[in-house]
Amino acid sequence: MDEALPVATVRAQVTVPLRFPDGYVTSARVFSFDGLVDGREHLAFGLGDWAATVDGQATDGAPPLVRPHSECLTGDVFGSQRCDCGPQLREAVERIAEADGFLLYLRQEGRGIGLYAKLDAYALQDAGLDTYEANLALGRGADERDYTAAAQMLAALGVSRVALLSNNPDKADQLDRLGVTVAERVPTGVHLSPANAGYLAAKVTRGEHALDLPFVP
C-alpha cells in the first residue's frame, strides 16, 4: 500500500550554469521547495529537456531519468576516494543532461547520520569495521536515509514515473511505497579505486547494491 505523502510545493527556481573540474559544462534549472517533511534544504536539478519529459508522462512517453543523490561533502566537494559519491554525482549530471530528467540533491550526509558522525565512522573503519558496521557501532542505523522528501519533490515537479539511476534497491523500494512508479532501474558505473574497494564490497554484501565487482562472489 502506498504511504500517504504530504504535499510540498516549488518555492523558487533559477537557472545555474555548472562546470566540473574535468571541464564538463552544462546548465540546470535548480528548484527549492516548501513543505518537505524533514525541513531540510534539498534541491532538484532539472537537466536536459526535463520539461518535455514531464509533459510526456501524460502521453505515456519515456519517464525522466532521476537520481536521488545523498550529499557527501568529502566526496562531492573535496574528492575523497574513500567512497564513490563524487564520481557518481559527476556521472549522473552528464547522463541525466543527455537523457533529460532530474538530479535530487538530498542533505543526507553519511547515509543519514551526519558529517561528524560519518567521520567518527571513518575512524572505526580504520580500526577494521566496514561502513555499515561502523554506523551500527555508533548506535545509529546502518542506513538511515529516508526518501519521503524525494518523493515529495518529484510530486511537486509533476513527476509520477521515473527511470531510477541507482544501484541501491532501497531507493526503488521506498519510492514505490511513496507512490512513485519506478518504470526502470538504470545502474550507475562502477567507480572503483584502491581506497574504496572495501567500501564498495560492503555496499554489495551488506546493502545489496547492484555492483559488478570482480572480487565479490
Protein backbone atom coordinates (compact mmCIF):
# COMPACT_ATOMS: atom_id res chain seq x y z
CA MET A 1 0.00 0.00 0.00
CA ASP A 2 1.32 3.45 -0.87
CA GLU A 3 2.17 5.69 2.08
CA ALA A 4 0.31 8.99 2.39
CA LEU A 5 2.54 11.73 1.01
CA PRO A 6 2.31 15.26 2.48
CA VAL A 7 2.12 17.91 -0.22
CA ALA A 8 5.20 20.00 -0.99
CA THR A 9 5.40 22.89 -3.44
CA VAL A 10 8.11 24.53 -5.51
CA ARG A 11 9.42 27.51 -3.55
CA ALA A 12 11.68 29.04 -6.19
CA GLN A 13 13.61 28.11 -9.33
CA VAL A 14 16.61 29.54 -11.10
CA THR A 15 18.94 28.53 -13.93
CA VAL A 16 22.52 27.80 -12.84
CA PRO A 17 25.47 27.11 -15.18
CA LEU A 18 27.53 24.13 -13.98
CA ARG A 19 31.21 23.40 -14.56
CA PHE A 20 33.04 20.36 -13.20
CA PRO A 21 36.79 20.03 -12.50
CA ASP A 22 37.29 17.85 -15.60
CA GLY A 23 35.89 20.63 -17.80
CA TYR A 24 32.38 19.24 -18.35
CA VAL A 25 29.83 22.07 -18.55
CA THR A 26 26.05 22.15 -18.64
CA SER A 27 23.24 24.16 -17.09
CA ALA A 28 20.50 23.18 -14.69
CA ARG A 29 17.18 24.57 -13.56
CA VAL A 30 17.53 24.43 -9.76
CA PHE A 31 14.39 24.11 -7.64
CA SER A 32 13.87 24.70 -3.93
CA PHE A 33 10.77 23.56 -2.06
CA ASP A 34 8.33 24.35 0.74
CA GLY A 35 6.66 21.70 2.86
CA LEU A 36 9.31 18.96 2.84
CA VAL A 37 8.72 16.63 5.76
CA ASP A 38 12.23 16.83 7.24
CA GLY A 39 12.61 20.60 6.88
CA ARG A 40 15.98 20.27 5.12
CA GLU A 41 17.13 22.32 2.14
CA HIS A 42 17.03 19.63 -0.54
CA LEU A 43 17.41 20.72 -4.18
CA ALA A 44 16.26 19.35 -7.54
CA PHE A 45 18.40 19.97 -10.62
CA GLY A 46 16.43 19.83 -13.87
CA LEU A 47 18.86 18.73 -16.60
CA GLY A 48 18.47 18.44 -20.34
CA ASP A 49 14.93 18.92 -21.64
CA TRP A 50 13.40 17.95 -18.32
CA ALA A 51 10.17 19.85 -19.02
CA ALA A 52 9.43 17.76 -22.12
CA THR A 53 9.86 14.51 -20.20
CA VAL A 54 7.46 15.71 -17.52
CA ASP A 55 4.90 16.73 -20.16
CA GLY A 56 5.39 13.42 -21.98
CA GLN A 57 4.21 11.40 -18.99
CA ALA A 58 0.64 12.33 -19.87
CA THR A 59 1.01 10.55 -23.22
CA ASP A 60 2.97 7.54 -21.90
CA GLY A 61 6.29 8.96 -23.05
CA ALA A 62 9.61 7.88 -21.61
CA PRO A 63 9.90 8.79 -17.92
CA PRO A 64 12.57 11.25 -16.80
CA LEU A 65 15.89 9.82 -15.66
CA VAL A 66 16.12 10.60 -11.94
CA ARG A 67 18.92 10.14 -9.45
CA PRO A 68 18.34 10.78 -5.73
CA HIS A 69 21.91 11.63 -4.66
CA SER A 70 22.70 11.88 -0.96
CA GLU A 71 25.03 14.72 -0.07
CA CYS A 72 28.65 13.76 0.59
CA LEU A 73 30.77 16.79 1.40
CA THR A 74 34.01 14.81 1.49
CA GLY A 75 33.39 13.07 -1.82
CA ASP A 76 31.31 15.58 -3.78
CA VAL A 77 33.35 18.68 -2.90
CA PHE A 78 36.81 17.54 -1.78
CA GLY A 79 37.20 14.46 -3.97
CA SER A 80 37.64 11.91 -1.18
CA GLN A 81 38.36 8.48 -2.59
CA ARG A 82 37.05 6.62 0.44
CA CYS A 83 33.68 6.46 -1.33
CA ASP A 84 32.33 6.68 -4.90
CA CYS A 85 29.99 9.62 -4.29
CA GLY A 86 31.88 12.30 -6.21
CA PRO A 87 32.28 10.21 -9.38
CA GLN A 88 28.65 9.09 -9.15
CA LEU A 89 27.49 12.72 -8.92
CA ARG A 90 29.60 13.73 -11.90
CA GLU A 91 28.39 10.75 -13.94
CA ALA A 92 24.76 11.37 -13.01
CA VAL A 93 24.74 15.02 -14.10
CA GLU A 94 26.05 14.18 -17.58
CA ARG A 95 23.82 11.15 -18.07
CA ILE A 96 20.71 12.98 -16.93
CA ALA A 97 21.55 16.01 -19.09
CA GLU A 98 21.75 13.67 -22.09
CA ALA A 99 18.60 11.68 -21.25
CA ASP A 100 16.53 14.53 -19.67
CA GLY A 101 15.44 14.43 -16.06
CA PHE A 102 16.34 15.42 -12.52
CA LEU A 103 19.11 15.04 -10.00
CA LEU A 104 17.72 15.29 -6.48
CA TYR A 105 20.45 16.53 -4.14
CA LEU A 106 19.44 15.28 -0.72
CA ARG A 107 21.01 16.56 2.50
CA GLN A 108 21.58 13.11 4.00
CA GLU A 109 25.30 13.05 4.78
CA GLY A 110 26.79 9.75 5.90
CA ARG A 111 23.75 7.66 4.92
CA GLY A 112 21.70 9.94 7.12
CA ILE A 113 23.87 10.14 10.26
CA GLY A 114 25.52 13.49 9.57
CA LEU A 115 29.00 14.74 8.74
CA TYR A 116 30.69 14.49 12.16
CA ALA A 117 29.24 11.04 12.79
CA LYS A 118 30.42 9.96 9.34
CA LEU A 119 33.96 10.97 10.25
CA ASP A 120 33.61 9.03 13.51
CA ALA A 121 32.54 6.06 11.40
CA TYR A 122 35.65 6.52 9.24
CA ALA A 123 37.80 6.14 12.34
CA LEU A 124 36.01 2.88 13.18
CA GLN A 125 36.53 1.69 9.61
CA ASP A 126 40.25 2.38 10.03
CA ALA A 127 40.08 0.04 13.03
CA GLY A 128 38.60 -2.76 10.90
CA LEU A 129 34.82 -2.32 10.72
CA ASP A 130 33.04 -1.97 7.40
CA THR A 131 30.97 1.12 6.61
CA TYR A 132 27.69 -0.43 7.81
CA GLU A 133 29.19 -1.98 10.95
CA ALA A 134 30.74 1.38 11.83
CA ASN A 135 27.37 3.14 11.76
CA LEU A 136 25.88 0.44 13.98
CA ALA A 137 28.80 0.67 16.41
CA LEU A 138 27.98 4.37 16.82
CA GLY A 139 24.44 3.44 17.86
CA ARG A 140 22.99 4.56 14.55
CA GLY A 141 21.17 2.71 11.78
CA ALA A 142 23.24 1.05 9.09
CA ASP A 143 21.41 3.30 6.60
CA GLU A 144 19.12 6.00 8.00
CA ARG A 145 18.22 7.63 4.70
CA ASP A 146 14.55 8.34 4.05
CA TYR A 147 13.27 9.23 0.59
CA THR A 148 9.94 10.79 1.58
CA ALA A 149 11.25 14.26 0.74
CA ALA A 150 12.50 12.96 -2.62
CA ALA A 151 9.01 11.65 -3.43
CA GLN A 152 7.51 14.98 -2.37
CA MET A 153 9.93 16.84 -4.64
CA LEU A 154 9.03 14.66 -7.60
CA ALA A 155 5.32 15.17 -6.96
CA ALA A 156 5.82 18.94 -6.77
CA LEU A 157 7.63 18.80 -10.12
CA GLY A 158 4.79 16.80 -11.68
CA VAL A 159 6.78 13.57 -11.91
CA SER A 160 4.93 10.32 -11.21
CA ARG A 161 7.10 7.82 -13.17
CA VAL A 162 10.87 7.64 -13.22
CA ALA A 163 13.76 5.75 -14.69
CA LEU A 164 15.80 5.47 -11.49
CA LEU A 165 19.56 5.97 -11.86
CA SER A 166 20.77 3.95 -8.89
CA ASN A 167 22.34 0.66 -7.82
CA ASN A 168 20.54 0.76 -4.47
CA PRO A 169 17.35 -1.35 -4.24
CA ASP A 170 16.21 0.51 -1.13
CA LYS A 171 15.75 3.72 -3.12
CA ALA A 172 13.43 1.95 -5.55
CA ASP A 173 11.51 0.22 -2.76
CA GLN A 174 10.98 3.42 -0.78
CA LEU A 175 9.91 5.47 -3.80
CA ASP A 176 7.50 2.75 -4.85
CA ARG A 177 5.90 2.73 -1.39
CA LEU A 178 5.60 6.50 -1.59
CA GLY A 179 3.65 6.38 -4.85
CA VAL A 180 6.42 6.99 -7.38
CA THR A 181 6.38 4.42 -10.18
CA VAL A 182 9.89 3.16 -10.89
CA ALA A 183 9.49 2.18 -14.53
CA GLU A 184 13.12 1.13 -14.86
CA ARG A 185 16.24 0.84 -12.73
CA VAL A 186 19.32 2.16 -14.53
CA PRO A 187 22.67 1.19 -12.98
CA THR A 188 25.44 3.69 -12.44
CA GLY A 189 29.03 2.95 -13.35
CA VAL A 190 31.45 1.20 -11.02
CA HIS A 191 33.90 3.79 -9.70
CA LEU A 192 36.49 1.54 -8.11
CA SER A 193 39.75 2.77 -6.60
CA PRO A 194 42.26 1.19 -4.21
CA ALA A 195 40.90 3.39 -1.43
CA ASN A 196 37.23 2.45 -1.81
CA ALA A 197 37.35 -1.27 -2.64
CA GLY A 198 36.24 -2.32 0.85
CA TYR A 199 33.52 0.31 0.89
CA LEU A 200 32.10 -0.90 -2.43
CA ALA A 201 32.31 -4.53 -1.34
CA ALA A 202 30.26 -3.68 1.77
CA LYS A 203 27.67 -1.97 -0.44
CA VAL A 204 27.25 -5.23 -2.33
CA THR A 205 27.32 -7.69 0.57
CA ARG A 206 25.55 -5.60 3.21
CA GLY A 207 23.46 -3.13 1.21
CA GLU A 208 22.63 -5.40 -1.74
CA HIS A 209 23.73 -2.75 -4.24
CA ALA A 210 23.89 -3.96 -7.84
CA LEU A 211 27.62 -3.50 -8.43
CA ASP A 212 29.67 -5.89 -10.54
CA LEU A 213 32.89 -6.23 -8.55
CA PRO A 214 35.31 -8.93 -9.70
CA PHE A 215 36.48 -9.68 -6.16
CA VAL A 216 32.98 -10.16 -4.66
CA PRO A 217 31.33 -13.52 -5.42
